[in-house]
PDB file of N, CA and C in Angstrom:
ATOM      1  N   TYR A   1     105.442 101.647  93.351  1.00  0.00           N
ATOM      2  CA  TYR A   1     105.613 103.235  94.275  1.00  0.00           C
ATOM      3  C   TYR A   1     104.316 103.552  94.195  1.00  0.00           C
ATOM      4  N   VAL A   2     103.904 103.681  95.353  1.00  0.00           N
ATOM      5  CA  VAL A   2     102.417 104.542  95.936  1.00  0.00           C
ATOM      6  C   VAL A   2     102.763 106.063  96.408  1.00  0.00           C
ATOM      7  N   THR A   3     101.704 106.612  95.884  1.00  0.00           N
ATOM      8  CA  THR A   3     101.676 108.140  96.179  1.00  0.00           C
ATOM      9  C   THR A   3     100.314 108.285  96.892  1.00  0.00           C
ATOM     10  N   ILE A   4     100.642 109.255  98.131  1.00  0.00           N
ATOM     11  CA  ILE A   4      99.435 109.637  99.168  1.00  0.00           C
ATOM     12  C   ILE A   4      99.679 110.653  98.762  1.00  0.00           C
ATOM     13  N   LYS A   5      97.983 111.513  98.911  1.00  0.00           N
ATOM     14  CA  LYS A   5      97.656 113.064  99.330  1.00  0.00           C
ATOM     15  C   LYS A   5      97.119 113.216 100.945  1.00  0.00           C
ATOM     16  N   ASN A   6      97.614 114.383 101.513  1.00  0.00           N
ATOM     17  CA  ASN A   6      96.508 114.707 102.447  1.00  0.00           C
ATOM     18  C   ASN A   6      95.934 115.827 101.902  1.00  0.00           C
ATOM     19  N   SER A   7      94.442 115.071 102.172  1.00  0.00           N
ATOM     20  CA  SER A   7      93.358 116.090 101.457  1.00  0.00           C
ATOM     21  C   SER A   7      92.749 116.497 102.980  1.00  0.00           C
ATOM     22  N   CYS A   8      93.149 116.781 104.283  1.00  0.00           N
ATOM     23  CA  CYS A   8      92.707 117.478 104.770  1.00  0.00           C
ATOM     24  C   CYS A   8      92.932 118.751 105.022  1.00  0.00           C
ATOM     25  N   SER A   9      92.109 119.421 106.027  1.00  0.00           N
ATOM     26  CA  SER A   9      92.524 120.973 106.115  1.00  0.00           C
ATOM     27  C   SER A   9      93.735 121.394 106.965  1.00  0.00           C
ATOM     28  N   PHE A  10      94.410 120.294 107.335  1.00  0.00           N
ATOM     29  CA  PHE A  10      95.709 119.870 108.361  1.00  0.00           C
ATOM     30  C   PHE A  10      97.086 119.580 108.575  1.00  0.00           C
ATOM     31  N   SER A  11      97.936 119.912 108.473  1.00  0.00           N
ATOM     32  CA  SER A  11      99.481 118.568 108.369  1.00  0.00           C
ATOM     33  C   SER A  11      99.046 117.759 108.608  1.00  0.00           C
ATOM     34  N   CYS A  12      99.828 116.433 108.830  1.00  0.00           N
ATOM     35  CA  CYS A  12     100.293 115.299 110.211  1.00  0.00           C
ATOM     36  C   CYS A  12     101.603 115.609 109.587  1.00  0.00           C
ATOM     37  N   ASN A  13     101.569 114.820 111.016  1.00  0.00           N
ATOM     38  CA  ASN A  13     103.375 114.180 111.684  1.00  0.00           C
ATOM     39  C   ASN A  13     103.331 112.913 111.545  1.00  0.00           C
ATOM     40  N   LEU A  14     104.282 112.122 110.876  1.00  0.00           N
ATOM     41  CA  LEU A  14     103.604 110.425 110.493  1.00  0.00           C
ATOM     42  C   LEU A  14     104.689 109.827 111.000  1.00  0.00           C
ATOM     43  N   GLU A  15     105.842 110.749 111.428  1.00  0.00           N
ATOM     44  CA  GLU A  15     106.402 110.385 112.301  1.00  0.00           C
ATOM     45  C   GLU A  15     106.143 109.059 113.122  1.00  0.00           C
ATOM     46  N   GLY A  16     107.018 107.662 112.867  1.00  0.00           N
ATOM     47  CA  GLY A  16     106.124 106.351 113.683  1.00  0.00           C
ATOM     48  C   GLY A  16     105.369 105.831 112.672  1.00  0.00           C
ATOM     49  N   TRP A  17     104.813 106.828 112.125  1.00  0.00           N
ATOM     50  CA  TRP A  17     103.442 106.037 111.232  1.00  0.00           C
ATOM     51  C   TRP A  17     104.152 104.481 110.326  1.00  0.00           C
ATOM     52  N   GLU A  18     103.443 103.896 109.644  1.00  0.00           N
ATOM     53  CA  GLU A  18     103.706 103.061 109.118  1.00  0.00           C
ATOM     54  C   GLU A  18     103.241 102.173 107.649  1.00  0.00           C
ATOM     55  N   ILE A  19     103.494 101.667 106.715  1.00  0.00           N
ATOM     56  CA  ILE A  19     102.975 101.591 105.422  1.00  0.00           C
ATOM     57  C   ILE A  19     103.229  99.865 105.493  1.00  0.00           C
ATOM     58  N   SER A  20     102.236  99.213 104.681  1.00  0.00           N
ATOM     59  CA  SER A  20     102.579  97.894 104.882  1.00  0.00           C
ATOM     60  C   SER A  20     101.431  97.194 103.934  1.00  0.00           C
ATOM     61  N   ASP A  21     102.073  96.182 103.161  1.00  0.00           N
ATOM     62  CA  ASP A  21     101.151  95.208 102.122  1.00  0.00           C
ATOM     63  C   ASP A  21     100.854  94.126 102.681  1.00  0.00           C
ATOM     64  N   ASP A  22     100.180  92.942 101.852  1.00  0.00           N
ATOM     65  CA  ASP A  22      99.371  91.817 102.402  1.00  0.00           C
ATOM     66  C   ASP A  22     100.737  90.706 102.888  1.00  0.00           C
ATOM     67  N   SER A  23     101.596  91.368 102.266  1.00  0.00           N
ATOM     68  CA  SER A  23     102.604  89.810 102.418  1.00  0.00           C
ATOM     69  C   SER A  23     103.544  90.856 104.056  1.00  0.00           C
ATOM     70  N   SER A  24     102.957  91.734 104.568  1.00  0.00           N
ATOM     71  CA  SER A  24     103.780  92.320 105.989  1.00  0.00           C
ATOM     72  C   SER A  24     104.993  92.956 105.380  1.00  0.00           C
ATOM     73  N   HIS A  25     105.394  93.364 104.073  1.00  0.00           N
ATOM     74  CA  HIS A  25     106.452  94.601 104.313  1.00  0.00           C
ATOM     75  C   HIS A  25     106.304  95.428 104.685  1.00  0.00           C
ATOM     76  N   LYS A  26     107.152  96.229 105.330  1.00  0.00           N
ATOM     77  CA  LYS A  26     106.769  97.667 105.950  1.00  0.00           C
ATOM     78  C   LYS A  26     107.529  98.424 105.621  1.00  0.00           C
ATOM     79  N   TYR A  27     107.021  99.323 105.752  1.00  0.00           N
ATOM     80  CA  TYR A  27     108.058 100.979 105.873  1.00  0.00           C
ATOM     81  C   TYR A  27     108.293 101.993 107.348  1.00  0.00           C
ATOM     82  N   SER A  28     108.717 102.100 107.736  1.00  0.00           N
ATOM     83  CA  SER A  28     108.241 102.979 109.127  1.00  0.00           C
ATOM     84  C   SER A  28     109.120 104.456 108.643  1.00  0.00           C
ATOM     85  N   PHE A  29     107.562 105.127 109.057  1.00  0.00           N
ATOM     86  CA  PHE A  29     108.381 106.576 108.727  1.00  0.00           C
ATOM     87  C   PHE A  29     109.243 107.235 109.568  1.00  0.00           C
ATOM     88  N   ALA A  30     110.542 107.900 109.604  1.00  0.00           N
ATOM     89  CA  ALA A  30     111.452 108.663 110.431  1.00  0.00           C
ATOM     90  C   ALA A  30     110.485 110.018 110.808  1.00  0.00           C
ATOM     91  N   SER A  31     111.016 111.034 110.517  1.00  0.00           N
ATOM     92  CA  SER A  31     110.715 112.486 110.733  1.00  0.00           C
ATOM     93  C   SER A  31     110.441 112.807 109.400  1.00  0.00           C
ATOM     94  N   PHE A  32     109.002 113.121 109.638  1.00  0.00           N
ATOM     95  CA  PHE A  32     108.144 113.510 108.177  1.00  0.00           C
ATOM     96  C   PHE A  32     106.637 113.883 108.223  1.00  0.00           C
ATOM     97  N   ASN A  33     106.954 115.472 107.899  1.00  0.00           N
ATOM     98  CA  ASN A  33     105.241 116.084 108.359  1.00  0.00           C
ATOM     99  C   ASN A  33     104.970 116.142 106.474  1.00  0.00           C
ATOM    100  N   LEU A  34     103.598 115.803 106.751  1.00  0.00           N
ATOM    101  CA  LEU A  34     103.055 116.192 105.189  1.00  0.00           C
ATOM    102  C   LEU A  34     102.120 117.375 105.527  1.00  0.00           C
ATOM    103  N   GLY A  35     102.346 118.126 104.697  1.00  0.00           N
ATOM    104  CA  GLY A  35     101.560 119.297 104.572  1.00  0.00           C
ATOM    105  C   GLY A  35     100.319 119.044 104.239  1.00  0.00           C
ATOM    106  N   ASN A  36      98.808 120.037 104.762  1.00  0.00           N
ATOM    107  CA  ASN A  36      97.400 120.248 103.660  1.00  0.00           C
ATOM    108  C   ASN A  36      97.440 119.780 102.261  1.00  0.00           C
ATOM    109  N   GLY A  37      97.196 119.299 101.551  1.00  0.00           N
ATOM    110  CA  GLY A  37      97.219 119.571 100.240  1.00  0.00           C
ATOM    111  C   GLY A  37      98.164 119.001  99.453  1.00  0.00           C
ATOM    112  N   ASN A  38      99.319 118.333 100.359  1.00  0.00           N
ATOM    113  CA  ASN A  38     100.300 117.690  99.492  1.00  0.00           C
ATOM    114  C   ASN A  38     100.455 116.635  99.455  1.00  0.00           C
ATOM    115  N   SER A  39     101.184 115.968  98.599  1.00  0.00           N
ATOM    116  CA  SER A  39     101.322 114.501  98.977  1.00  0.00           C
ATOM    117  C   SER A  39     102.760 114.259  98.364  1.00  0.00           C
ATOM    118  N   PHE A  40     102.788 112.893  98.641  1.00  0.00           N
ATOM    119  CA  PHE A  40     104.439 112.223  98.203  1.00  0.00           C
ATOM    120  C   PHE A  40     104.596 110.821  97.607  1.00  0.00           C
ATOM    121  N   THR A  41     105.401 110.253  97.666  1.00  0.00           N
ATOM    122  CA  THR A  41     105.514 109.525  96.706  1.00  0.00           C
ATOM    123  C   THR A  41     106.065 108.619  97.002  1.00  0.00           C
ATOM    124  N   LEU A  42     106.283 107.251  97.796  1.00  0.00           N
ATOM    125  CA  LEU A  42     107.089 106.216  98.152  1.00  0.00           C
ATOM    126  C   LEU A  42     107.375 104.999  97.448  1.00  0.00           C
ATOM    127  N   TYR A  43     108.701 105.091  96.730  1.00  0.00           N
ATOM    128  CA  TYR A  43     109.424 104.103  96.028  1.00  0.00           C
ATOM    129  C   TYR A  43     109.657 103.283  96.854  1.00  0.00           C
ATOM    130  N   THR A  44     109.482 101.765  96.645  1.00  0.00           N
ATOM    131  CA  THR A  44     110.457 100.687  96.918  1.00  0.00           C
ATOM    132  C   THR A  44     111.645 100.868  96.948  1.00  0.00           C
ATOM    133  N   GLY A  45     112.597 101.224  95.757  1.00  0.00           N
ATOM    134  CA  GLY A  45     113.694 101.256  95.480  1.00  0.00           C
ATOM    135  C   GLY A  45     114.526 102.186  95.795  1.00  0.00           C
ATOM    136  N   GLU A  46     115.874 102.404  96.050  1.00  0.00           N
ATOM    137  CA  GLU A  46     116.877 103.067  96.495  1.00  0.00           C
ATOM    138  C   GLU A  46     116.744 104.640  95.767  1.00  0.00           C
ATOM    139  N   GLY A  47     117.392 105.496  97.419  1.00  0.00           N
ATOM    140  CA  GLY A  47     117.262 106.988  96.093  1.00  0.00           C
ATOM    141  C   GLY A  47     117.411 107.898  97.650  1.00  0.00           C
ATOM    142  N   THR A  48     117.134 108.919  97.453  1.00  0.00           N
ATOM    143  CA  THR A  48     117.627 109.951  98.792  1.00  0.00           C
ATOM    144  C   THR A  48     116.176 110.466  99.029  1.00  0.00           C
ATOM    145  N   ASP A  49     115.707 110.680 100.228  1.00  0.00           N
ATOM    146  CA  ASP A  49     114.533 111.178 100.757  1.00  0.00           C
ATOM    147  C   ASP A  49     114.049 112.907 100.446  1.00  0.00           C
ATOM    148  N   THR A  50     113.082 113.186  99.989  1.00  0.00           N
ATOM    149  CA  THR A  50     112.996 114.790  99.405  1.00  0.00           C
ATOM    150  C   THR A  50     111.992 115.240 100.164  1.00  0.00           C
ATOM    151  N   GLU A  51     111.271 116.293  99.905  1.00  0.00           N
ATOM    152  CA  GLU A  51     109.742 116.657 100.606  1.00  0.00           C
ATOM    153  C   GLU A  51     108.743 115.596  99.729  1.00  0.00           C
ATOM    154  N   SER A  52     108.526 115.367  99.141  1.00  0.00           N
ATOM    155  CA  SER A  52     107.851 115.076  98.129  1.00  0.00           C
ATOM    156  C   SER A  52     108.026 113.251  97.172  1.00  0.00           C
ATOM    157  N   ARG A  53     109.479 112.871  97.884  1.00  0.00           N
ATOM    158  CA  ARG A  53     109.504 111.391  97.342  1.00  0.00           C
ATOM    159  C   ARG A  53     110.717 111.283  98.869  1.00  0.00           C
ATOM    160  N   LEU A  54     109.548 109.671  99.129  1.00  0.00           N
ATOM    161  CA  LEU A  54     110.372 109.057 100.110  1.00  0.00           C
ATOM    162  C   LEU A  54     110.755 107.519  99.328  1.00  0.00           C
ATOM    163  N   TYR A  55     111.732 106.929  99.819  1.00  0.00           N
ATOM    164  CA  TYR A  55     112.371 105.817  99.548  1.00  0.00           C
ATOM    165  C   TYR A  55     112.645 105.170 100.282  1.00  0.00           C
ATOM    166  N   TRP A  56     111.589 103.462 100.238  1.00  0.00           N
ATOM    167  CA  TRP A  56     111.709 102.481 101.052  1.00  0.00           C
ATOM    168  C   TRP A  56     113.200 101.394 101.123  1.00  0.00           C
ATOM    169  N   ASN A  57     114.142 102.347  99.932  1.00  0.00           N
ATOM    170  CA  ASN A  57     115.220 101.383  99.692  1.00  0.00           C
ATOM    171  C   ASN A  57     115.783  99.766  99.954  1.00  0.00           C
ATOM    172  N   ARG A  58     114.978  99.449  99.116  1.00  0.00           N
ATOM    173  CA  ARG A  58     114.489  97.634  99.016  1.00  0.00           C
ATOM    174  C   ARG A  58     115.040  97.512  97.922  1.00  0.00           C
ATOM    175  N   GLY A  59     115.987  95.932  97.771  1.00  0.00           N
ATOM    176  CA  GLY A  59     116.272  95.315  96.712  1.00  0.00           C
ATOM    177  C   GLY A  59     115.406  94.880  95.780  1.00  0.00           C
ATOM    178  N   SER A  60     114.001  94.603  95.858  1.00  0.00           N
ATOM    179  CA  SER A  60     113.227  94.303  95.278  1.00  0.00           C
ATOM    180  C   SER A  60     111.531  94.821  95.530  1.00  0.00           C
ATOM    181  N   ALA A  61     110.957  94.376  94.364  1.00  0.00           N
ATOM    182  CA  ALA A  61     109.817  95.039  94.763  1.00  0.00           C
ATOM    183  C   ALA A  61     109.129  94.847  95.659  1.00  0.00           C
ATOM    184  N   VAL A  62     107.929  95.209  96.446  1.00  0.00           N
ATOM    185  CA  VAL A  62     107.107  95.356  97.097  1.00  0.00           C
ATOM    186  C   VAL A  62     105.385  94.509  96.632  1.00  0.00           C
ATOM    187  N   TRP A  63     104.673  95.837  95.903  1.00  0.00           N
ATOM    188  CA  TRP A  63     103.887  96.048  95.307  1.00  0.00           C
ATOM    189  C   TRP A  63     103.575  94.907  94.330  1.00  0.00           C
ATOM    190  N   ASN A  64     102.534  93.932  94.689  1.00  0.00           N
ATOM    191  CA  ASN A  64     102.049  92.646  93.643  1.00  0.00           C
ATOM    192  C   ASN A  64     101.053  93.527  92.282  1.00  0.00           C
ATOM    193  N   ASN A  65     101.805  93.218  91.254  1.00  0.00           N
ATOM    194  CA  ASN A  65     101.109  93.643  89.799  1.00  0.00           C
ATOM    195  C   ASN A  65      99.770  93.087  89.887  1.00  0.00           C
ATOM    196  N   GLU A  66      99.541  91.558  90.165  1.00  0.00           N
ATOM    197  CA  GLU A  66      98.274  91.610  90.417  1.00  0.00           C
ATOM    198  C   GLU A  66      97.261  91.322  91.204  1.00  0.00           C
ATOM    199  N   GLY A  67      97.301  92.217  92.166  1.00  0.00           N
ATOM    200  CA  GLY A  67      96.592  92.544  93.755  1.00  0.00           C
ATOM    201  C   GLY A  67      97.341  92.620  94.553  1.00  0.00           C
ATOM    202  N   ASP A  68      97.031  93.766  95.468  1.00  0.00           N
ATOM    203  CA  ASP A  68      97.852  93.981  96.973  1.00  0.00           C
ATOM    204  C   ASP A  68      96.755  94.580  97.590  1.00  0.00           C
ATOM    205  N   THR A  69      97.289  94.720  99.321  1.00  0.00           N
ATOM    206  CA  THR A  69      96.262  95.695  99.414  1.00  0.00           C
ATOM    207  C   THR A  69      97.454  96.761 100.279  1.00  0.00           C
ATOM    208  N   LEU A  70      97.194  98.139 100.102  1.00  0.00           N
ATOM    209  CA  LEU A  70      98.232  99.091 101.159  1.00  0.00           C
ATOM    210  C   LEU A  70      97.491  99.439 102.280  1.00  0.00           C
ATOM    211  N   THR A  71      98.109  99.379 103.714  1.00  0.00           N
ATOM    212  CA  THR A  71      97.564  99.802 104.789  1.00  0.00           C
ATOM    213  C   THR A  71      98.382 100.866 105.483  1.00  0.00           C
ATOM    214  N   LEU A  72      97.896 101.986 105.675  1.00  0.00           N
ATOM    215  CA  LEU A  72      98.785 103.094 106.552  1.00  0.00           C
ATOM    216  C   LEU A  72      97.995 102.985 108.291  1.00  0.00           C
ATOM    217  N   LYS A  73      98.911 102.535 109.124  1.00  0.00           N
ATOM    218  CA  LYS A  73      98.844 103.284 110.725  1.00  0.00           C
ATOM    219  C   LYS A  73      99.466 103.944 111.421  1.00  0.00           C
ATOM    220  N   ASN A  74      98.736 104.915 111.680  1.00  0.00           N
ATOM    221  CA  ASN A  74      99.127 105.823 112.858  1.00  0.00           C
ATOM    222  C   ASN A  74     100.504 105.036 113.847  1.00  0.00           C
ATOM    223  N   GLN A  75     100.826 106.183 114.714  1.00  0.00           N
ATOM    224  CA  GLN A  75     101.942 106.031 115.689  1.00  0.00           C
ATOM    225  C   GLN A  75     101.629 104.777 116.628  1.00  0.00           C
ATOM    226  N   ASN A  76     100.157 104.729 116.474  1.00  0.00           N
ATOM    227  CA  ASN A  76      99.404 103.971 118.110  1.00  0.00           C
ATOM    228  C   ASN A  76      98.114 102.583 117.115  1.00  0.00           C
ATOM    229  N   SER A  77      99.438 102.199 116.029  1.00  0.00           N
ATOM    230  CA  SER A  77      99.309 100.985 115.018  1.00  0.00           C
ATOM    231  C   SER A  77      97.289 100.785 114.849  1.00  0.00           C
ATOM    232  N   GLU A  78      96.926 102.163 114.724  1.00  0.00           N
ATOM    233  CA  GLU A  78      95.374 102.252 114.504  1.00  0.00           C
ATOM    234  C   GLU A  78      95.310 102.514 112.930  1.00  0.00           C
ATOM    235  N   ILE A  79      94.645 101.634 112.490  1.00  0.00           N
ATOM    236  CA  ILE A  79      94.502 102.406 110.981  1.00  0.00           C
ATOM    237  C   ILE A  79      93.784 103.359 110.303  1.00  0.00           C
ATOM    238  N   ILE A  80      94.455 103.866 109.102  1.00  0.00           N
ATOM    239  CA  ILE A  80      94.084 105.380 108.881  1.00  0.00           C
ATOM    240  C   ILE A  80      93.169 105.469 107.883  1.00  0.00           C
ATOM    241  N   LEU A  81      93.974 104.315 106.864  1.00  0.00           N
ATOM    242  CA  LEU A  81      94.145 103.897 105.170  1.00  0.00           C
ATOM    243  C   LEU A  81      93.978 102.667 105.088  1.00  0.00           C
ATOM    244  N   THR A  82      92.978 101.818 104.214  1.00  0.00           N
ATOM    245  CA  THR A  82      93.480 100.708 104.193  1.00  0.00           C
ATOM    246  C   THR A  82      92.924 101.038 102.124  1.00  0.00           C
ATOM    247  N   TYR A  83      93.797 100.660 101.186  1.00  0.00           N
ATOM    248  CA  TYR A  83      93.362 100.659  99.473  1.00  0.00           C
ATOM    249  C   TYR A  83      93.526  99.136  99.257  1.00  0.00           C
ATOM    250  N   SER A  84      92.757  98.743  98.536  1.00  0.00           N
ATOM    251  CA  SER A  84      92.888  97.858  97.406  1.00  0.00           C
ATOM    252  C   SER A  84      92.872  97.690  96.513  1.00  0.00           C
ATOM    253  N   TYR A  85      93.820  96.588  95.772  1.00  0.00           N
ATOM    254  CA  TYR A  85      93.667  96.676  94.272  1.00  0.00           C
ATOM    255  C   TYR A  85      93.493  95.645  93.702  1.00  0.00           C
ATOM    256  N   SER A  86      93.297  95.006  91.943  1.00  0.00           N
ATOM    257  CA  SER A  86      93.345  94.116  91.403  1.00  0.00           C
ATOM    258  C   SER A  86      93.626  94.519  90.050  1.00  0.00           C
TER     259      SER A  86
END
């Protein structure tokens, strides 16, 4: 899973935005608004979406324990955030 927090002073409509990893696994946001100061966790497993928990509903893990890169793009495919770990 990944957790993202909106540190801006305004809310963000993430509809049409996308999160991906190094292997080009992609999660596209449906209608979702992230309020200022709020956060959400995106789980790769199955579940029911709430205001703070979203589910990718994949049958297998996405994020590699030995290292990966998360990329968040807006609805215009502009990179908003990139985060790598190892």
